[in-house]
Amino acid sequence: MNRKELVDALAEKTGHTKKDAESFLNAFMDSVVGELKKGGSVNLVGFGSFKVSERAAREGRNPRTGESIKIAASKVPTFKAGKEFKESL
């Protein structure tokens, strides 16, 4: 399912217009991203949680040349599915 299909599904299930559904989806994503940028987390009971994880600096290899390269430390978003979500699958 891509973004357009998700907007269509939200509009159909809620009985709102596609424009309203897209506004909701944008607001949801902006809220999650904003909270993660502040260093927080978003917990949706039964669905899952969004958090930011630290990835340490490490050494890697260029697969083409075999040359050693340094990979900088970074922050990555993570999602952990909730118990009810896992059980529903």
Protein backbone atom coordinates (compact mmCIF):
# COMPACT_ATOMS: atom_id res chain seq x y z
CA MET A 1 0.00 0.00 0.00
CA ASN A 2 1.42 3.36 -0.97
CA ARG A 3 0.55 6.81 0.37
CA LYS A 4 -2.29 7.44 -2.11
CA GLU A 5 -3.87 4.06 -1.34
CA LEU A 6 -3.59 4.77 2.39
CA VAL A 7 -5.31 8.16 1.98
CA ASP A 8 -8.07 6.47 -0.06
CA ALA A 9 -8.54 3.79 2.61
CA LEU A 10 -8.66 6.37 5.43
CA ALA A 11 -11.23 8.43 3.55
CA GLU A 12 -13.40 5.38 2.89
CA LYS A 13 -13.25 4.06 6.46
CA THR A 14 -13.92 7.42 8.12
CA GLY A 15 -16.46 8.75 5.65
CA HIS A 16 -14.44 11.94 5.19
CA THR A 17 -13.07 13.39 1.97
CA LYS A 18 -9.70 12.37 0.58
CA LYS A 19 -8.50 15.92 1.27
CA ASP A 20 -9.42 15.57 4.95
CA ALA A 21 -7.79 12.13 5.13
CA GLU A 22 -4.59 13.47 3.57
CA SER A 23 -4.57 16.39 6.02
CA PHE A 24 -4.91 13.93 8.90
CA LEU A 25 -2.12 11.73 7.56
CA ASN A 26 0.19 14.74 7.10
CA ALA A 27 -0.58 16.00 10.62
CA PHE A 28 0.09 12.54 12.08
CA MET A 29 3.42 12.18 10.28
CA ASP A 30 4.50 15.74 11.17
CA SER A 31 3.65 15.10 14.83
CA VAL A 32 5.63 11.84 14.95
CA VAL A 33 8.65 13.34 13.17
CA GLY A 34 8.54 16.45 15.37
CA GLU A 35 8.50 14.41 18.57
CA LEU A 36 11.37 12.18 17.37
CA LYS A 37 13.43 15.26 16.41
CA LYS A 38 13.02 16.53 19.98
CA GLY A 39 14.43 13.23 21.24
CA GLY A 40 11.10 11.86 22.46
CA SER A 41 9.13 8.79 21.47
CA VAL A 42 5.59 8.10 20.33
CA ASN A 43 3.77 5.16 21.94
CA LEU A 44 0.49 3.93 20.49
CA VAL A 45 -0.82 1.28 22.88
CA GLY A 46 -1.68 -1.90 21.01
CA PHE A 47 -0.04 -0.70 17.80
CA GLY A 48 3.61 0.05 18.58
CA SER A 49 6.17 2.68 19.38
CA PHE A 50 8.39 4.99 17.37
CA LYS A 51 11.79 5.86 18.87
CA VAL A 52 15.19 7.19 17.84
CA SER A 53 18.17 4.86 18.21
CA GLU A 54 21.83 5.80 18.17
CA ARG A 55 24.01 3.95 15.71
CA ALA A 56 27.69 3.99 16.71
CA ALA A 57 30.48 4.91 14.32
CA ARG A 58 32.00 1.86 12.71
CA GLU A 59 34.35 0.71 10.02
CA GLY A 60 32.97 -0.79 6.84
CA ARG A 61 34.20 -1.98 3.48
CA ASN A 62 33.57 -0.76 0.00
CA PRO A 63 32.23 -3.94 -1.67
CA ARG A 64 33.61 -2.94 -5.06
CA THR A 65 37.20 -2.17 -4.06
CA GLY A 66 37.50 -3.86 -0.66
CA GLU A 67 38.83 -0.57 0.70
CA SER A 68 38.17 0.16 4.38
CA ILE A 69 35.91 3.16 5.05
CA LYS A 70 34.72 4.91 8.20
CA ILE A 71 30.97 5.11 8.70
CA ALA A 72 29.93 8.02 10.91
CA ALA A 73 27.67 7.68 13.93
CA SER A 74 24.02 8.45 13.20
CA LYS A 75 20.53 8.54 14.61
CA VAL A 76 17.92 6.26 13.04
CA PRO A 77 14.16 6.02 13.56
CA THR A 78 12.91 2.66 14.80
CA PHE A 79 9.48 1.12 15.15
CA LYS A 80 8.65 -1.70 17.53
CA ALA A 81 5.30 -3.40 16.98
CA GLY A 82 3.00 -3.72 19.97
CA LYS A 83 1.76 -7.03 21.36
CA GLU A 84 -1.80 -6.72 19.99
CA PHE A 85 -0.49 -5.76 16.54
CA LYS A 86 1.86 -8.76 16.44
CA GLU A 87 -0.85 -11.13 17.59
CA SER A 88 -3.29 -9.88 14.94
CA LEU A 89 -0.93 -11.02 12.19
